[in-house]
Amino acid sequence: MEVTKNFIPQFVVCIKNTGYQASLELYKIYRVLPDDEARNSGDIRVIDESGEDYLYPADYFIAIEVPRVVEEALLHSS
């Protein structure tokens, strides 16, 4: 996994979980981890329901901006 320098935490909302119902909850916010290789392949690396990071199709998610207080809460919960 190639990590992007100066990564700013990013969050996405799951909009599709076909084939991954046990790993992804619809409409839940997930934290994205930087992975340039995955992005170039049309995937995204997120911390899923297992608490581990895995690759999923990028079109299963929509990127969102969250207020700083929400970002801090989400970062502390993972």
Protein backbone atom coordinates (compact mmCIF):
# COMPACT_ATOMS: atom_id res chain seq x y z
CA MET A 1 0.00 0.00 0.00
CA GLU A 2 1.46 3.35 -1.03
CA VAL A 3 0.61 6.02 1.54
CA THR A 4 0.08 9.60 0.43
CA LYS A 5 2.16 12.15 2.33
CA ASN A 6 0.30 14.84 4.31
CA PHE A 7 -2.92 12.89 4.12
CA ILE A 8 -5.96 14.75 5.40
CA PRO A 9 -8.53 12.40 6.96
CA GLN A 10 -11.34 11.70 4.55
CA PHE A 11 -14.72 10.19 5.17
CA VAL A 12 -17.24 8.53 2.90
CA VAL A 13 -20.82 7.32 3.15
CA CYS A 14 -21.63 3.80 1.95
CA ILE A 15 -24.34 3.89 -0.72
CA LYS A 16 -24.08 0.28 -1.92
CA ASN A 17 -23.01 -2.92 -0.16
CA THR A 18 -23.90 -5.68 -2.62
CA GLY A 19 -21.74 -8.68 -1.77
CA TYR A 20 -20.44 -7.04 1.40
CA GLN A 21 -23.50 -6.86 3.66
CA ALA A 22 -21.55 -8.21 6.67
CA SER A 23 -18.70 -5.73 6.15
CA LEU A 24 -20.46 -2.54 5.09
CA GLU A 25 -23.59 -0.87 6.44
CA LEU A 26 -25.60 1.27 4.05
CA TYR A 27 -25.55 5.01 4.81
CA LYS A 28 -22.85 4.66 7.45
CA ILE A 29 -19.80 6.95 7.54
CA TYR A 30 -16.46 5.21 7.02
CA ARG A 31 -12.92 6.51 7.33
CA VAL A 32 -10.77 6.32 4.20
CA LEU A 33 -7.12 5.37 4.38
CA PRO A 34 -4.78 6.65 1.69
CA ASP A 35 -3.94 4.10 -0.99
CA ASP A 36 -2.91 5.51 -4.35
CA GLU A 37 -2.61 2.07 -5.96
CA ALA A 38 -6.17 1.17 -4.95
CA ARG A 39 -7.52 4.50 -6.18
CA ASN A 40 -5.81 3.99 -9.54
CA SER A 41 -7.58 0.60 -9.77
CA GLY A 42 -11.01 2.10 -9.01
CA ASP A 43 -11.05 0.92 -5.40
CA ILE A 44 -11.01 2.63 -2.03
CA ARG A 45 -9.48 1.49 1.28
CA VAL A 46 -11.82 1.96 4.24
CA ILE A 47 -11.97 0.78 7.82
CA ASP A 48 -15.01 -1.49 7.73
CA GLU A 49 -17.23 -3.18 10.33
CA SER A 50 -14.41 -5.57 11.32
CA GLY A 51 -12.33 -2.60 12.42
CA GLU A 52 -9.72 -3.47 9.80
CA ASP A 53 -9.00 -1.74 6.51
CA TYR A 54 -10.01 -3.42 3.27
CA LEU A 55 -10.46 -2.50 -0.37
CA TYR A 56 -13.92 -1.98 -1.81
CA PRO A 57 -15.21 -0.61 -5.12
CA ALA A 58 -14.97 3.18 -4.96
CA ASP A 59 -18.45 3.56 -6.46
CA TYR A 60 -19.92 2.01 -3.30
CA PHE A 61 -19.15 5.28 -1.51
CA ILE A 62 -19.61 9.03 -1.75
CA ALA A 63 -16.98 11.33 -0.22
CA ILE A 64 -18.29 13.77 2.37
CA GLU A 65 -16.95 16.69 4.34
CA VAL A 66 -17.69 16.68 8.04
CA PRO A 67 -17.39 19.49 10.58
CA ARG A 68 -14.17 19.42 12.63
CA VAL A 69 -15.96 18.31 15.81
CA VAL A 70 -17.47 15.34 13.94
CA GLU A 71 -14.09 14.53 12.35
CA GLU A 72 -12.42 14.49 15.76
CA ALA A 73 -15.14 12.22 17.17
CA LEU A 74 -14.86 9.83 14.25
CA LEU A 75 -11.07 9.70 14.43
CA HIS A 76 -11.15 8.97 18.17
CA SER A 77 -13.74 6.22 17.76
CA SER A 78 -11.66 4.15 15.34
